[in-house]
Amino acid sequence: MRKGTTRADYARRESVVLTDRAQISARVQANVPIRRIAEEYGIDRRTLARIVDGWGVPRRPPNRKGHANLSPCKRQ
């Protein structure tokens, strides 16, 4: 906990996140970085990530399969 920040402050910020659940989950699905969302709501990045994971919102797009970093001549 940061100096000068009470548990009530953290609880209040978390409750704001819970009220804006639909908006936040839509932004997470649209690949807006969790760090940016956390800064806007004044909440810790890890805390927001834990809350969003609890909602079951899909976060990152799945990794692309294939040889993305190979040039065409090496791909044979």
PDB file of N, CA and C in Angstrom:
ATOM      1  N   MET A   1       0.837  -1.181   0.000  1.00  0.00           N
ATOM      2  CA  MET A   1       0.000   0.000   0.000  1.00  0.00           C
ATOM      3  C   MET A   1       0.886   1.251   0.000  1.00  0.00           C
ATOM      4  N   ARG A   2       0.474   2.240  -0.781  1.00  0.00           N
ATOM      5  CA  ARG A   2       1.237   3.475  -0.809  1.00  0.00           C
ATOM      6  C   ARG A   2       1.026   4.255   0.477  1.00  0.00           C
ATOM      7  N   LYS A   3       2.032   5.049   0.795  1.00  0.00           N
ATOM      8  CA  LYS A   3       1.930   5.866   1.996  1.00  0.00           C
ATOM      9  C   LYS A   3       0.812   6.897   1.810  1.00  0.00           C
ATOM     10  N   GLY A   4      -0.035   7.035   2.786  1.00  0.00           N
ATOM     11  CA  GLY A   4      -1.123   7.997   2.711  1.00  0.00           C
ATOM     12  C   GLY A   4      -2.368   7.481   2.010  1.00  0.00           C
ATOM     13  N   THR A   5      -2.340   6.227   1.581  1.00  0.00           N
ATOM     14  CA  THR A   5      -3.516   5.645   0.929  1.00  0.00           C
ATOM     15  C   THR A   5      -4.104   4.601   1.861  1.00  0.00           C
ATOM     16  N   THR A   6      -5.341   4.782   2.230  1.00  0.00           N
ATOM     17  CA  THR A   6      -5.967   3.854   3.171  1.00  0.00           C
ATOM     18  C   THR A   6      -6.613   2.697   2.426  1.00  0.00           C
ATOM     19  N   ARG A   7      -6.951   1.676   3.173  1.00  0.00           N
ATOM     20  CA  ARG A   7      -7.649   0.532   2.570  1.00  0.00           C
ATOM     21  C   ARG A   7      -8.988   0.965   1.988  1.00  0.00           C
ATOM     22  N   ALA A   8      -9.611   1.946   2.621  1.00  0.00           N
ATOM     23  CA  ALA A   8     -10.904   2.435   2.125  1.00  0.00           C
ATOM     24  C   ALA A   8     -10.755   3.048   0.731  1.00  0.00           C
ATOM     25  N   ASP A   9      -9.623   3.740   0.508  1.00  0.00           N
ATOM     26  CA  ASP A   9      -9.382   4.319  -0.822  1.00  0.00           C
ATOM     27  C   ASP A   9      -9.307   3.228  -1.872  1.00  0.00           C
ATOM     28  N   TYR A  10      -8.563   2.177  -1.558  1.00  0.00           N
ATOM     29  CA  TYR A  10      -8.447   1.069  -2.506  1.00  0.00           C
ATOM     30  C   TYR A  10      -9.804   0.417  -2.747  1.00  0.00           C
ATOM     31  N   ALA A  11     -10.574   0.229  -1.685  1.00  0.00           N
ATOM     32  CA  ALA A  11     -11.889  -0.397  -1.820  1.00  0.00           C
ATOM     33  C   ALA A  11     -12.811   0.473  -2.672  1.00  0.00           C
ATOM     34  N   ARG A  12     -12.728   1.788  -2.491  1.00  0.00           N
ATOM     35  CA  ARG A  12     -13.562   2.702  -3.266  1.00  0.00           C
ATOM     36  C   ARG A  12     -13.207   2.618  -4.747  1.00  0.00           C
ATOM     37  N   ARG A  13     -11.910   2.572  -5.038  1.00  0.00           N
ATOM     38  CA  ARG A  13     -11.477   2.488  -6.434  1.00  0.00           C
ATOM     39  C   ARG A  13     -11.923   1.177  -7.062  1.00  0.00           C
ATOM     40  N   GLU A  14     -11.804   0.082  -6.285  1.00  0.00           N
ATOM     41  CA  GLU A  14     -12.243  -1.215  -6.817  1.00  0.00           C
ATOM     42  C   GLU A  14     -13.740  -1.202  -7.078  1.00  0.00           C
ATOM     43  N   SER A  15     -14.509  -0.550  -6.219  1.00  0.00           N
ATOM     44  CA  SER A  15     -15.957  -0.532  -6.425  1.00  0.00           C
ATOM     45  C   SER A  15     -16.315   0.257  -7.680  1.00  0.00           C
ATOM     46  N   VAL A  16     -15.533   1.316  -7.982  1.00  0.00           N
ATOM     47  CA  VAL A  16     -15.761   2.069  -9.218  1.00  0.00           C
ATOM     48  C   VAL A  16     -15.529   1.163 -10.417  1.00  0.00           C
ATOM     49  N   VAL A  17     -14.469   0.349 -10.335  1.00  0.00           N
ATOM     50  CA  VAL A  17     -14.168  -0.581 -11.422  1.00  0.00           C
ATOM     51  C   VAL A  17     -15.317  -1.571 -11.589  1.00  0.00           C
ATOM     52  N   LEU A  18     -15.869  -2.043 -10.491  1.00  0.00           N
ATOM     53  CA  LEU A  18     -16.950  -3.021 -10.574  1.00  0.00           C
ATOM     54  C   LEU A  18     -18.219  -2.406 -11.164  1.00  0.00           C
ATOM     55  N   THR A  19     -18.448  -1.100 -10.925  1.00  0.00           N
ATOM     56  CA  THR A  19     -19.643  -0.477 -11.500  1.00  0.00           C
ATOM     57  C   THR A  19     -19.484  -0.261 -12.999  1.00  0.00           C
ATOM     58  N   ASP A  20     -18.263  -0.046 -13.466  1.00  0.00           N
ATOM     59  CA  ASP A  20     -18.018   0.169 -14.900  1.00  0.00           C
ATOM     60  C   ASP A  20     -17.603  -1.119 -15.597  1.00  0.00           C
ATOM     61  N   ARG A  21     -18.080  -2.236 -15.102  1.00  0.00           N
ATOM     62  CA  ARG A  21     -17.631  -3.539 -15.599  1.00  0.00           C
ATOM     63  C   ARG A  21     -17.817  -3.704 -17.109  1.00  0.00           C
ATOM     64  N   ALA A  22     -18.975  -3.324 -17.626  1.00  0.00           N
ATOM     65  CA  ALA A  22     -19.257  -3.520 -19.058  1.00  0.00           C
ATOM     66  C   ALA A  22     -18.292  -2.715 -19.920  1.00  0.00           C
ATOM     67  N   GLN A  23     -18.062  -1.466 -19.523  1.00  0.00           N
ATOM     68  CA  GLN A  23     -17.176  -0.601 -20.309  1.00  0.00           C
ATOM     69  C   GLN A  23     -15.739  -1.119 -20.266  1.00  0.00           C
ATOM     70  N   ILE A  24     -15.283  -1.510 -19.077  1.00  0.00           N
ATOM     71  CA  ILE A  24     -13.905  -1.979 -18.941  1.00  0.00           C
ATOM     72  C   ILE A  24     -13.706  -3.279 -19.699  1.00  0.00           C
ATOM     73  N   SER A  25     -14.648  -4.216 -19.582  1.00  0.00           N
ATOM     74  CA  SER A  25     -14.467  -5.492 -20.271  1.00  0.00           C
ATOM     75  C   SER A  25     -14.487  -5.295 -21.784  1.00  0.00           C
ATOM     76  N   ALA A  26     -15.277  -4.338 -22.277  1.00  0.00           N
ATOM     77  CA  ALA A  26     -15.278  -4.059 -23.716  1.00  0.00           C
ATOM     78  C   ALA A  26     -13.929  -3.501 -24.153  1.00  0.00           C
ATOM     79  N   ARG A  27     -13.345  -2.639 -23.326  1.00  0.00           N
ATOM     80  CA  ARG A  27     -12.043  -2.059 -23.677  1.00  0.00           C
ATOM     81  C   ARG A  27     -10.938  -3.099 -23.615  1.00  0.00           C
ATOM     82  N   VAL A  28     -11.035  -4.025 -22.651  1.00  0.00           N
ATOM     83  CA  VAL A  28     -10.024  -5.082 -22.548  1.00  0.00           C
ATOM     84  C   VAL A  28     -10.101  -5.981 -23.777  1.00  0.00           C
ATOM     85  N   GLN A  29     -11.322  -6.299 -24.210  1.00  0.00           N
ATOM     86  CA  GLN A  29     -11.476  -7.124 -25.412  1.00  0.00           C
ATOM     87  C   GLN A  29     -10.980  -6.397 -26.649  1.00  0.00           C
ATOM     88  N   ALA A  30     -11.052  -5.063 -26.648  1.00  0.00           N
ATOM     89  CA  ALA A  30     -10.571  -4.269 -27.778  1.00  0.00           C
ATOM     90  C   ALA A  30      -9.064  -4.032 -27.696  1.00  0.00           C
ATOM     91  N   ASN A  31      -8.391  -4.764 -26.805  1.00  0.00           N
ATOM     92  CA  ASN A  31      -6.930  -4.722 -26.649  1.00  0.00           C
ATOM     93  C   ASN A  31      -6.384  -3.378 -26.173  1.00  0.00           C
ATOM     94  N   VAL A  32      -7.164  -2.633 -25.398  1.00  0.00           N
ATOM     95  CA  VAL A  32      -6.622  -1.451 -24.732  1.00  0.00           C
ATOM     96  C   VAL A  32      -5.758  -1.963 -23.586  1.00  0.00           C
ATOM     97  N   PRO A  33      -4.520  -1.468 -23.447  1.00  0.00           N
ATOM     98  CA  PRO A  33      -3.648  -2.000 -22.393  1.00  0.00           C
ATOM     99  C   PRO A  33      -4.250  -1.822 -20.998  1.00  0.00           C
ATOM    100  N   ILE A  34      -4.126  -2.876 -20.191  1.00  0.00           N
ATOM    101  CA  ILE A  34      -4.647  -2.837 -18.810  1.00  0.00           C
ATOM    102  C   ILE A  34      -3.979  -1.689 -18.042  1.00  0.00           C
ATOM    103  N   ARG A  35      -2.717  -1.432 -18.347  1.00  0.00           N
ATOM    104  CA  ARG A  35      -1.983  -0.374 -17.652  1.00  0.00           C
ATOM    105  C   ARG A  35      -2.680   0.975 -17.845  1.00  0.00           C
ATOM    106  N   ARG A  36      -3.112   1.256 -19.079  1.00  0.00           N
ATOM    107  CA  ARG A  36      -3.764   2.535 -19.366  1.00  0.00           C
ATOM    108  C   ARG A  36      -5.111   2.634 -18.657  1.00  0.00           C
ATOM    109  N   ILE A  37      -5.879   1.560 -18.671  1.00  0.00           N
ATOM    110  CA  ILE A  37      -7.183   1.562 -17.997  1.00  0.00           C
ATOM    111  C   ILE A  37      -6.981   1.767 -16.497  1.00  0.00           C
ATOM    112  N   ALA A  38      -5.969   1.096 -15.942  1.00  0.00           N
ATOM    113  CA  ALA A  38      -5.702   1.202 -14.505  1.00  0.00           C
ATOM    114  C   ALA A  38      -5.325   2.629 -14.123  1.00  0.00           C
ATOM    115  N   GLU A  39      -4.532   3.297 -14.967  1.00  0.00           N
ATOM    116  CA  GLU A  39      -4.149   4.682 -14.670  1.00  0.00           C
ATOM    117  C   GLU A  39      -5.378   5.589 -14.653  1.00  0.00           C
ATOM    118  N   GLU A  40      -6.301   5.372 -15.601  1.00  0.00           N
ATOM    119  CA  GLU A  40      -7.495   6.221 -15.665  1.00  0.00           C
ATOM    120  C   GLU A  40      -8.364   6.070 -14.420  1.00  0.00           C
ATOM    121  N   TYR A  41      -8.443   4.855 -13.890  1.00  0.00           N
ATOM    122  CA  TYR A  41      -9.294   4.616 -12.726  1.00  0.00           C
ATOM    123  C   TYR A  41      -8.543   4.794 -11.410  1.00  0.00           C
ATOM    124  N   GLY A  42      -7.231   5.049 -11.483  1.00  0.00           N
ATOM    125  CA  GLY A  42      -6.446   5.250 -10.270  1.00  0.00           C
ATOM    126  C   GLY A  42      -6.323   4.001  -9.433  1.00  0.00           C
ATOM    127  N   ILE A  43      -6.230   2.854 -10.105  1.00  0.00           N
ATOM    128  CA  ILE A  43      -6.151   1.573  -9.411  1.00  0.00           C
ATOM    129  C   ILE A  43      -4.860   0.889  -9.836  1.00  0.00           C
ATOM    130  N   ASP A  44      -4.386  -0.034  -9.014  1.00  0.00           N
ATOM    131  CA  ASP A  44      -3.158  -0.755  -9.314  1.00  0.00           C
ATOM    132  C   ASP A  44      -3.376  -1.673 -10.519  1.00  0.00           C
ATOM    133  N   ARG A  45      -2.361  -1.759 -11.371  1.00  0.00           N
ATOM    134  CA  ARG A  45      -2.459  -2.570 -12.586  1.00  0.00           C
ATOM    135  C   ARG A  45      -2.713  -4.034 -12.276  1.00  0.00           C
ATOM    136  N   ARG A  46      -2.014  -4.556 -11.272  1.00  0.00           N
ATOM    137  CA  ARG A  46      -2.183  -5.973 -10.914  1.00  0.00           C
ATOM    138  C   ARG A  46      -3.586  -6.241 -10.376  1.00  0.00           C
ATOM    139  N   THR A  47      -4.084  -5.294  -9.587  1.00  0.00           N
ATOM    140  CA  THR A  47      -5.429  -5.452  -9.029  1.00  0.00           C
ATOM    141  C   THR A  47      -6.462  -5.488 -10.142  1.00  0.00           C
ATOM    142  N   LEU A  48      -6.330  -4.571 -11.102  1.00  0.00           N
ATOM    143  CA  LEU A  48      -7.278  -4.540 -12.214  1.00  0.00           C
ATOM    144  C   LEU A  48      -7.181  -5.819 -13.034  1.00  0.00           C
ATOM    145  N   ALA A  49      -5.964  -6.292 -13.258  1.00  0.00           N
ATOM    146  CA  ALA A  49      -5.787  -7.530 -14.024  1.00  0.00           C
ATOM    147  C   ALA A  49      -6.446  -8.703 -13.304  1.00  0.00           C
ATOM    148  N   ARG A  50      -6.307  -8.738 -11.967  1.00  0.00           N
ATOM    149  CA  ARG A  50      -6.920  -9.822 -11.188  1.00  0.00           C
ATOM    150  C   ARG A  50      -8.443  -9.769 -11.295  1.00  0.00           C
ATOM    151  N   ILE A  51      -9.007  -8.559 -11.209  1.00  0.00           N
ATOM    152  CA  ILE A  51     -10.461  -8.407 -11.299  1.00  0.00           C
ATOM    153  C   ILE A  51     -10.954  -8.850 -12.671  1.00  0.00           C
ATOM    154  N   VAL A  52     -10.274  -8.388 -13.728  1.00  0.00           N
ATOM    155  CA  VAL A  52     -10.700  -8.707 -15.095  1.00  0.00           C
ATOM    156  C   VAL A  52     -10.563 -10.203 -15.365  1.00  0.00           C
ATOM    157  N   ASP A  53      -9.502 -10.820 -14.838  1.00  0.00           N
ATOM    158  CA  ASP A  53      -9.347 -12.271 -15.006  1.00  0.00           C
ATOM    159  C   ASP A  53     -10.477 -13.018 -14.309  1.00  0.00           C
ATOM    160  N   GLY A  54     -10.921 -12.483 -13.184  1.00  0.00           N
ATOM    161  CA  GLY A  54     -12.035 -13.100 -12.471  1.00  0.00           C
ATOM    162  C   GLY A  54     -13.334 -13.041 -13.261  1.00  0.00           C
ATOM    163  N   TRP A  55     -13.460 -12.015 -14.115  1.00  0.00           N
ATOM    164  CA  TRP A  55     -14.651 -11.900 -14.953  1.00  0.00           C
ATOM    165  C   TRP A  55     -14.624 -12.891 -16.104  1.00  0.00           C
ATOM    166  N   GLY A  56     -13.446 -13.392 -16.436  1.00  0.00           N
ATOM    167  CA  GLY A  56     -13.336 -14.320 -17.561  1.00  0.00           C
ATOM    168  C   GLY A  56     -13.334 -13.627 -18.911  1.00  0.00           C
ATOM    169  N   VAL A  57     -12.884 -12.368 -18.946  1.00  0.00           N
ATOM    170  CA  VAL A  57     -12.824 -11.635 -20.219  1.00  0.00           C
ATOM    171  C   VAL A  57     -11.579 -12.083 -20.973  1.00  0.00           C
ATOM    172  N   PRO A  58     -11.721 -12.480 -22.252  1.00  0.00           N
ATOM    173  CA  PRO A  58     -10.520 -12.859 -23.004  1.00  0.00           C
ATOM    174  C   PRO A  58      -9.635 -11.640 -23.220  1.00  0.00           C
ATOM    175  N   ARG A  59      -8.350 -11.779 -22.924  1.00  0.00           N
ATOM    176  CA  ARG A  59      -7.474 -10.613 -22.990  1.00  0.00           C
ATOM    177  C   ARG A  59      -6.680 -10.553 -24.286  1.00  0.00           C
ATOM    178  N   ARG A  60      -5.557 -11.185 -24.337  1.00  0.00           N
ATOM    179  CA  ARG A  60      -4.717 -11.075 -25.532  1.00  0.00           C
ATOM    180  C   ARG A  60      -5.291 -11.888 -26.679  1.00  0.00           C
ATOM    181  N   PRO A  61      -5.056 -11.442 -27.920  1.00  0.00           N
ATOM    182  CA  PRO A  61      -5.425 -12.312 -29.036  1.00  0.00           C
ATOM    183  C   PRO A  61      -4.501 -13.522 -29.032  1.00  0.00           C
ATOM    184  N   PRO A  62      -4.969 -14.673 -29.474  1.00  0.00           N
ATOM    185  CA  PRO A  62      -4.094 -15.850 -29.468  1.00  0.00           C
ATOM    186  C   PRO A  62      -2.896 -15.636 -30.377  1.00  0.00           C
ATOM    187  N   ASN A  63      -1.794 -16.272 -30.021  1.00  0.00           N
ATOM    188  CA  ASN A  63      -0.578 -16.125 -30.824  1.00  0.00           C
ATOM    189  C   ASN A  63      -0.818 -16.644 -32.229  1.00  0.00           C
ATOM    190  N   ARG A  64      -0.240 -15.949 -33.187  1.00  0.00           N
ATOM    191  CA  ARG A  64      -0.377 -16.392 -34.572  1.00  0.00           C
ATOM    192  C   ARG A  64       0.511 -17.589 -34.806  1.00  0.00           C
ATOM    193  N   LYS A  65      -0.009 -18.555 -35.518  1.00  0.00           N
ATOM    194  CA  LYS A  65       0.799 -19.721 -35.841  1.00  0.00           C
ATOM    195  C   LYS A  65       1.540 -19.448 -37.132  1.00  0.00           C
ATOM    196  N   GLY A  66       2.598 -20.165 -37.333  1.00  0.00           N
ATOM    197  CA  GLY A  66       3.340 -20.004 -38.580  1.00  0.00           C
ATOM    198  C   GLY A  66       4.682 -19.350 -38.335  1.00  0.00           C
ATOM    199  N   HIS A  67       5.319 -19.005 -39.407  1.00  0.00           N
ATOM    200  CA  HIS A  67       6.686 -18.475 -39.337  1.00  0.00           C
ATOM    201  C   HIS A  67       6.646 -17.000 -39.681  1.00  0.00           C
ATOM    202  N   ALA A  68       6.165 -16.211 -38.769  1.00  0.00           N
ATOM    203  CA  ALA A  68       5.978 -14.788 -39.043  1.00  0.00           C
ATOM    204  C   ALA A  68       7.311 -14.067 -39.218  1.00  0.00           C
ATOM    205  N   ASN A  69       8.358 -14.558 -38.561  1.00  0.00           N
ATOM    206  CA  ASN A  69       9.613 -13.814 -38.600  1.00  0.00           C
ATOM    207  C   ASN A  69      10.575 -14.335 -39.672  1.00  0.00           C
ATOM    208  N   LEU A  70      10.138 -15.286 -40.486  1.00  0.00           N
ATOM    209  CA  LEU A  70      11.025 -15.795 -41.526  1.00  0.00           C
ATOM    210  C   LEU A  70      10.749 -15.083 -42.837  1.00  0.00           C
ATOM    211  N   SER A  71      11.803 -14.748 -43.532  1.00  0.00           N
ATOM    212  CA  SER A  71      11.621 -14.153 -44.857  1.00  0.00           C
ATOM    213  C   SER A  71      11.194 -15.248 -45.835  1.00  0.00           C
ATOM    214  N   PRO A  72      10.561 -14.885 -46.941  1.00  0.00           N
ATOM    215  CA  PRO A  72      10.046 -15.902 -47.876  1.00  0.00           C
ATOM    216  C   PRO A  72      11.117 -16.856 -48.400  1.00  0.00           C
ATOM    217  N   CYS A  73      12.333 -16.372 -48.564  1.00  0.00           N
ATOM    218  CA  CYS A  73      13.361 -17.248 -49.121  1.00  0.00           C
ATOM    219  C   CYS A  73      13.776 -18.335 -48.122  1.00  0.00           C
ATOM    220  N   LYS A  74      13.625 -18.073 -46.824  1.00  0.00           N
ATOM    221  CA  LYS A  74      14.005 -19.076 -45.820  1.00  0.00           C
ATOM    222  C   LYS A  74      12.858 -20.031 -45.512  1.00  0.00           C
ATOM    223  N   ARG A  75      11.662 -19.717 -46.012  1.00  0.00           N
ATOM    224  CA  ARG A  75      10.477 -20.453 -45.616  1.00  0.00           C
ATOM    225  C   ARG A  75      10.286 -21.760 -46.391  1.00  0.00           C
ATOM    226  N   GLN A  76      11.140 -22.051 -47.350  1.00  0.00           N
ATOM    227  CA  GLN A  76      10.952 -23.225 -48.220  1.00  0.00           C
ATOM    228  C   GLN A  76      11.088 -24.530 -47.473  1.00  0.00           C
TER     229      GLN A  76
END
